[in-house]
Protein backbone atom coordinates (compact mmCIF):
# COMPACT_ATOMS: atom_id res chain seq x y z
CA UNK A 1 8.82 -102.89 -24.07
CA UNK A 2 6.00 -103.16 -21.52
CA UNK A 3 7.72 -100.66 -19.23
CA UNK A 4 8.27 -98.25 -22.13
CA UNK A 5 4.63 -98.60 -23.22
CA UNK A 6 3.47 -97.83 -19.67
CA UNK A 7 5.67 -94.71 -19.52
CA UNK A 8 4.43 -93.54 -22.93
CA UNK A 9 0.84 -93.98 -21.75
CA UNK A 10 1.48 -91.97 -18.58
CA UNK A 11 2.63 -89.05 -20.74
CA UNK A 12 -0.02 -89.54 -23.45
CA UNK A 13 2.69 -90.25 -26.04
CA UNK A 14 2.96 -92.69 -28.93
CA UNK A 15 5.85 -94.53 -30.61
CA UNK A 16 6.42 -97.42 -33.00
CA UNK A 17 8.99 -100.09 -32.10
CA UNK A 18 10.13 -102.89 -34.41
CA UNK A 19 11.52 -106.12 -32.99
CA UNK A 20 12.78 -109.28 -34.61
CA UNK A 21 11.04 -112.48 -33.60
CA UNK A 22 10.09 -115.98 -34.66
CA UNK A 23 6.84 -116.35 -36.64
CA UNK A 24 4.36 -119.18 -36.23
CA UNK A 25 6.04 -120.93 -39.17
CA UNK A 26 9.42 -120.87 -37.38
CA UNK A 27 10.95 -118.24 -39.66
CA UNK A 28 12.48 -115.00 -38.43
CA UNK A 29 10.16 -112.00 -38.78
CA UNK A 30 10.11 -108.28 -37.99
CA UNK A 31 7.13 -107.17 -35.93
CA UNK A 32 6.23 -103.49 -35.53
CA UNK A 33 4.33 -102.45 -32.42
CA UNK A 34 2.32 -99.24 -32.09
CA UNK A 35 2.71 -98.13 -28.49
CA UNK A 36 0.10 -95.61 -27.37
CA UNK A 37 -2.38 -95.11 -24.52
CA UNK A 38 -5.20 -96.55 -26.67
CA UNK A 39 -3.40 -99.75 -27.72
CA UNK A 40 -3.34 -102.93 -25.66
CA UNK A 41 -0.04 -104.81 -25.50
CA UNK A 42 0.48 -108.40 -24.39
CA UNK A 43 3.69 -110.35 -23.95
CA UNK A 44 3.77 -114.11 -24.27
CA UNK A 45 6.59 -116.54 -23.57
CA UNK A 46 7.45 -119.44 -25.83
CA UNK A 47 9.30 -122.69 -25.41
CA UNK A 48 11.57 -123.25 -28.40
CA UNK A 49 14.98 -124.57 -29.33
CA UNK A 50 15.45 -121.74 -31.87
CA UNK A 51 18.10 -119.13 -31.30
CA UNK A 52 16.70 -115.83 -30.07
CA UNK A 53 16.68 -113.17 -32.84
CA UNK A 54 19.08 -110.23 -32.59
CA UNK A 55 17.43 -107.18 -30.97
CA UNK A 56 20.39 -105.23 -29.52
CA UNK A 57 19.54 -102.02 -31.41
CA UNK A 58 15.87 -102.15 -30.43
CA UNK A 59 16.73 -102.98 -26.81
CA UNK A 60 19.18 -100.06 -26.69
CA UNK A 61 16.52 -97.73 -28.11
CA UNK A 62 13.97 -98.89 -25.51
CA UNK A 63 16.44 -98.43 -22.63
CA UNK A 64 17.38 -94.95 -23.88
CA UNK A 65 13.74 -93.87 -24.17
CA UNK A 66 12.84 -95.31 -20.75
CA UNK A 67 15.74 -93.36 -19.26
CA UNK A 68 14.61 -90.13 -20.98
CA UNK A 69 10.97 -90.47 -19.89
CA UNK A 70 11.93 -91.49 -16.35
CA UNK A 71 13.80 -88.20 -15.92
CA UNK A 72 10.77 -86.07 -16.86
CA UNK A 73 8.35 -84.79 -14.20
CA UNK A 74 5.25 -86.98 -13.85
CA UNK A 75 2.44 -86.24 -16.28
CA UNK A 76 -0.68 -84.73 -14.72
CA UNK A 77 -3.68 -87.04 -14.31
CA UNK A 78 -6.39 -86.53 -16.90
CA UNK A 79 -9.47 -84.85 -15.46
CA UNK A 80 -7.73 -83.68 -12.28
CA UNK A 81 -6.49 -80.19 -11.57
């Protein structure tokens, strides 16, 4: 998701991605992330014995979008001609 967010920012684009995770109470949750140039994103690891939630559809979506954006010509730098 970090790579996708960086690519979106380089093109000045925005997207919302929803992933399944484990909440602070140990229950499975869905978390939606707004990815845009103006939003900060942080990833944190966790040590747990819980089974990782299913995110195959979200992972496939992210890989597809990264592939699409990677094939586009680089976005021009803001303020430079």
